[in-house]
Amino acid sequence: MKPIYKINELSFSYSSNKEIFRNINFELAFEKITLLSGKNGSGKTTLCRLLSGLEKRFQGYILLENKNLSKIPVNIIVNKVVYLKQESLANVVAANPDEDLAIWQHKFRLNNNTFEKKRSNALKYFDIYNFKDKPIWELSSGQIKRIGLSALLLNDEKYWILDEPFGGLDDKSVELLLHILDTRKKRMKGCLLITHQFQECKSITDRWLQIENKNIIEKDKFYK
């Protein structure tokens, strides 16, 4: 089983007095669902940004498919990894849900029937199809969150980095997302999952990592 990410001696600081990571080493397998936990401010979101290529000021190495992430063009990274941010609006760049998913598809020909069908199915899955042409600013925070989740269905072949994807979701949407992750797990497709909802994710999680004291340690069981 080849890792999609290898992290070697990685250190990162926002300033001289705010060190987040110090010489951390770990790997992430494409086929496994890895849960990442840690206290607020410990660096969970920072790690997501590092792995997705959004943070450049680090020491050490981040290898994506055994290539130096710092030297991989952004258009290549986004073809291999999808990063769903914690803040719902940060995942939205278009005026309405349908246009936003078209951008997630990296296609701008909105009249293409195949693309439209895939978008429609994704929006229907998370029950926002009826709002597909509604302006983003008129949607609730939960609906906006579900736009990003719908986009995941259009990027199934990529590795997912999910920062608190359950936040702000109703019970039905939580169940739908868990079903998606469980289905991926059975098809040997994984993700890096940041969440506080340990109990709900126990059955689908292959591995548990936790940020402690500027390092990343392997955990062998869940807290009760």
Protein backbone atom coordinates (compact mmCIF):
# COMPACT_ATOMS: atom_id res chain seq x y z
CA MET A 1 0.00 0.00 0.00
CA LYS A 2 1.73 3.15 -1.22
CA PRO A 3 1.24 6.40 0.72
CA ILE A 4 -0.22 9.38 -1.09
CA TYR A 5 1.59 11.68 1.37
CA LYS A 6 4.95 11.38 3.09
CA ILE A 7 5.84 14.07 5.62
CA ASN A 8 9.48 14.23 6.68
CA GLU A 9 10.91 16.48 9.41
CA LEU A 10 8.18 19.06 8.87
CA SER A 11 8.31 22.22 10.96
CA PHE A 12 6.03 25.21 10.66
CA SER A 13 5.68 28.54 12.49
CA TYR A 14 3.43 31.52 11.92
CA SER A 15 5.99 33.71 13.69
CA SER A 16 9.09 33.36 15.83
CA ASN A 17 6.96 32.87 18.94
CA LYS A 18 4.16 30.76 17.42
CA GLU A 19 5.56 27.38 16.45
CA ILE A 20 2.87 24.93 15.32
CA PHE A 21 4.85 21.83 14.26
CA ARG A 22 8.35 20.68 15.07
CA ASN A 23 10.03 17.94 13.04
CA ILE A 24 6.95 15.81 12.45
CA ASN A 25 7.02 12.60 10.42
CA PHE A 26 4.08 10.53 9.19
CA GLU A 27 2.45 9.06 6.10
CA LEU A 28 -1.10 9.00 4.75
CA ALA A 29 -2.40 6.12 2.66
CA PHE A 30 -4.84 6.86 -0.15
CA GLU A 31 -6.86 3.76 0.73
CA LYS A 32 -7.37 4.54 4.42
CA ILE A 33 -9.64 6.90 6.33
CA THR A 34 -7.40 8.70 8.79
CA LEU A 35 -8.96 10.70 11.60
CA LEU A 36 -6.97 13.68 12.88
CA SER A 37 -7.77 15.22 16.25
CA GLY A 38 -6.26 17.83 18.53
CA LYS A 39 -7.12 20.73 20.77
CA ASN A 40 -8.38 24.00 19.29
CA GLY A 41 -5.41 25.91 17.93
CA SER A 42 -3.18 22.84 17.81
CA GLY A 43 -2.71 23.09 14.03
CA LYS A 44 -5.32 20.83 12.45
CA THR A 45 -6.43 23.37 9.85
CA THR A 46 -2.83 24.46 9.34
CA LEU A 47 -1.91 20.89 8.46
CA CYS A 48 -4.75 20.78 5.91
CA ARG A 49 -3.45 23.95 4.33
CA LEU A 50 0.08 22.56 4.23
CA LEU A 51 -1.02 19.31 2.58
CA SER A 52 -3.13 21.14 0.00
CA GLY A 53 -0.26 23.47 -0.92
CA LEU A 54 -1.82 26.64 0.46
CA GLU A 55 0.93 27.19 3.05
CA LYS A 56 4.41 27.46 1.59
CA ARG A 57 6.54 28.68 4.50
CA PHE A 58 7.62 25.41 6.09
CA GLN A 59 10.79 23.48 6.72
CA GLY A 60 11.20 19.83 5.84
CA TYR A 61 9.44 17.92 3.11
CA ILE A 62 5.91 17.16 2.05
CA LEU A 63 5.81 14.53 -0.69
CA LEU A 64 2.65 14.02 -2.72
CA GLU A 65 2.85 10.71 -4.60
CA ASN A 66 6.58 10.79 -3.86
CA LYS A 67 7.05 14.21 -5.46
CA ASN A 68 8.00 17.39 -3.62
CA LEU A 69 4.73 19.24 -3.06
CA SER A 70 6.50 22.60 -3.20
CA LYS A 71 7.45 21.95 -6.81
CA ILE A 72 4.11 20.61 -8.02
CA PRO A 73 1.98 23.15 -9.95
CA VAL A 74 -1.35 24.03 -8.33
CA ASN A 75 -3.34 22.65 -11.28
CA ILE A 76 -1.72 19.24 -10.73
CA ILE A 77 -2.39 19.29 -6.97
CA VAL A 78 -6.10 20.02 -7.42
CA ASN A 79 -6.35 17.10 -9.84
CA LYS A 80 -5.14 14.76 -7.10
CA VAL A 81 -6.50 16.25 -3.86
CA VAL A 82 -9.70 18.01 -2.86
CA TYR A 83 -9.65 20.15 0.30
CA LEU A 84 -12.98 20.96 1.89
CA LYS A 85 -12.45 23.83 4.32
CA GLN A 86 -14.14 24.18 7.70
CA GLU A 87 -15.76 27.52 6.87
CA SER A 88 -18.64 26.81 4.49
CA LEU A 89 -18.36 30.06 2.52
CA ALA A 90 -14.66 29.44 1.93
CA ASN A 91 -15.62 26.53 -0.34
CA VAL A 92 -17.98 28.60 -2.49
CA VAL A 93 -16.81 30.85 -5.31
CA ALA A 94 -19.83 31.19 -7.64
CA ALA A 95 -23.18 32.96 -7.48
CA ASN A 96 -25.36 29.87 -7.05
CA PRO A 97 -24.95 26.15 -6.23
CA ASP A 98 -25.13 24.88 -9.81
CA GLU A 99 -22.46 27.27 -11.05
CA ASP A 100 -20.30 26.49 -8.05
CA LEU A 101 -20.36 22.77 -8.76
CA ALA A 102 -19.52 23.49 -12.40
CA ILE A 103 -16.33 25.15 -11.19
CA TRP A 104 -15.58 22.20 -8.90
CA GLN A 105 -15.84 20.04 -12.03
CA HIS A 106 -13.23 22.33 -13.63
CA LYS A 107 -15.65 22.68 -16.51
CA PHE A 108 -17.32 25.90 -17.55
CA ARG A 109 -19.57 24.63 -20.36
CA LEU A 110 -22.75 24.68 -18.32
CA ASN A 111 -24.82 23.37 -21.25
CA ASN A 112 -22.99 20.02 -21.36
CA ASN A 113 -25.60 17.36 -20.55
CA THR A 114 -23.19 14.93 -18.90
CA PHE A 115 -21.77 17.59 -16.60
CA GLU A 116 -25.24 18.89 -15.78
CA LYS A 117 -26.53 15.42 -14.90
CA LYS A 118 -23.64 14.78 -12.52
CA ARG A 119 -24.18 18.13 -10.83
CA SER A 120 -27.91 17.55 -10.54
CA ASN A 121 -27.41 14.12 -8.98
CA ALA A 122 -24.91 15.50 -6.49
CA LEU A 123 -27.22 18.37 -5.50
CA LYS A 124 -30.17 16.01 -5.18
CA TYR A 125 -28.20 13.69 -2.91
CA PHE A 126 -27.74 16.47 -0.37
CA ASP A 127 -31.24 17.87 -0.94
CA ILE A 128 -30.30 21.25 -2.40
CA TYR A 129 -31.30 20.68 -6.02
CA ASN A 130 -34.38 22.88 -5.58
CA PHE A 131 -32.03 25.74 -4.66
CA LYS A 132 -29.51 25.18 -7.46
CA ASP A 133 -30.17 28.56 -9.10
CA LYS A 134 -30.73 30.49 -5.88
CA PRO A 135 -28.13 33.14 -4.97
CA ILE A 136 -25.63 31.91 -2.40
CA TRP A 137 -26.33 34.85 -0.09
CA GLU A 138 -29.96 33.74 0.22
CA LEU A 139 -29.06 30.24 1.44
CA SER A 140 -28.70 29.10 5.03
CA SER A 141 -25.31 28.12 6.45
CA GLY A 142 -26.35 24.47 6.39
CA GLN A 143 -27.33 24.67 2.73
CA ILE A 144 -24.02 26.32 1.88
CA LYS A 145 -22.22 23.55 3.75
CA ARG A 146 -24.04 20.97 1.66
CA ILE A 147 -22.85 22.62 -1.56
CA GLY A 148 -19.29 21.71 -0.61
CA LEU A 149 -20.32 18.18 0.31
CA SER A 150 -22.08 17.83 -3.04
CA ALA A 151 -18.84 18.83 -4.74
CA LEU A 152 -17.11 15.86 -3.13
CA LEU A 153 -19.32 13.55 -5.19
CA LEU A 154 -17.83 15.10 -8.34
CA ASN A 155 -14.30 14.42 -7.13
CA ASP A 156 -14.56 10.80 -6.06
CA GLU A 157 -11.27 9.74 -7.63
CA LYS A 158 -9.23 12.24 -5.60
CA TYR A 159 -7.89 12.09 -2.05
CA TRP A 160 -10.14 14.08 0.29
CA ILE A 161 -8.96 16.42 3.04
CA LEU A 162 -12.02 17.23 5.14
CA ASP A 163 -11.83 19.87 7.87
CA GLU A 164 -14.83 19.48 10.23
CA PRO A 165 -17.21 18.37 7.46
CA PHE A 166 -19.97 17.49 9.95
CA GLY A 167 -20.12 20.97 11.49
CA GLY A 168 -23.47 22.69 10.99
CA LEU A 169 -25.16 19.65 9.44
CA ASP A 170 -28.52 18.22 10.45
CA ASP A 171 -28.79 14.54 11.40
CA LYS A 172 -29.89 13.48 7.92
CA SER A 173 -26.91 15.15 6.25
CA VAL A 174 -24.53 13.63 8.81
CA GLU A 175 -25.89 10.17 7.95
CA LEU A 176 -25.52 10.84 4.22
CA LEU A 177 -21.89 11.91 4.61
CA LEU A 178 -21.09 8.90 6.81
CA HIS A 179 -22.61 6.66 4.14
CA ILE A 180 -20.42 8.29 1.47
CA LEU A 181 -17.28 7.79 3.56
CA ASP A 182 -18.20 4.20 4.37
CA THR A 183 -18.77 3.48 0.67
CA ARG A 184 -15.38 5.01 -0.18
CA LYS A 185 -13.73 2.93 2.53
CA LYS A 186 -15.13 -0.27 0.99
CA ARG A 187 -13.81 0.84 -2.41
CA MET A 188 -10.34 1.45 -0.94
CA LYS A 189 -10.56 5.22 -1.19
CA GLY A 190 -9.79 7.22 1.91
CA CYS A 191 -9.42 10.69 3.30
CA LEU A 192 -7.94 12.78 6.07
CA LEU A 193 -10.86 13.53 8.36
CA ILE A 194 -10.80 16.24 11.02
CA THR A 195 -13.76 15.97 13.34
CA HIS A 196 -14.82 16.07 16.99
CA GLN A 197 -17.51 13.49 16.30
CA PHE A 198 -15.38 10.48 17.21
CA GLN A 199 -18.20 8.14 18.14
CA GLU A 200 -20.02 8.55 14.84
CA CYS A 201 -16.82 7.88 12.88
CA LYS A 202 -15.47 4.90 14.81
CA SER A 203 -16.81 2.30 12.41
CA ILE A 204 -15.34 3.93 9.30
CA THR A 205 -11.96 5.06 10.66
CA ASP A 206 -8.88 2.98 9.86
CA ARG A 207 -6.36 5.09 11.73
CA TRP A 208 -6.33 7.81 14.34
CA LEU A 209 -3.68 10.53 14.59
CA GLN A 210 -3.58 13.30 17.16
CA ILE A 211 -1.64 16.54 17.38
CA GLU A 212 0.07 16.86 20.74
CA ASN A 213 2.91 19.18 21.78
CA LYS A 214 3.68 20.27 18.20
CA ASN A 215 3.95 16.66 17.10
CA ILE A 216 1.68 14.03 15.58
CA ILE A 217 1.24 10.78 17.44
CA GLU A 218 -0.52 7.54 16.58
CA LYS A 219 -3.51 6.64 18.75
CA ASP A 220 -4.66 3.06 19.19
CA LYS A 221 -8.17 3.55 20.56
CA PHE A 222 -10.94 6.11 20.84
CA TYR A 223 -11.86 7.98 23.97
CA LYS A 224 -15.15 6.84 25.47
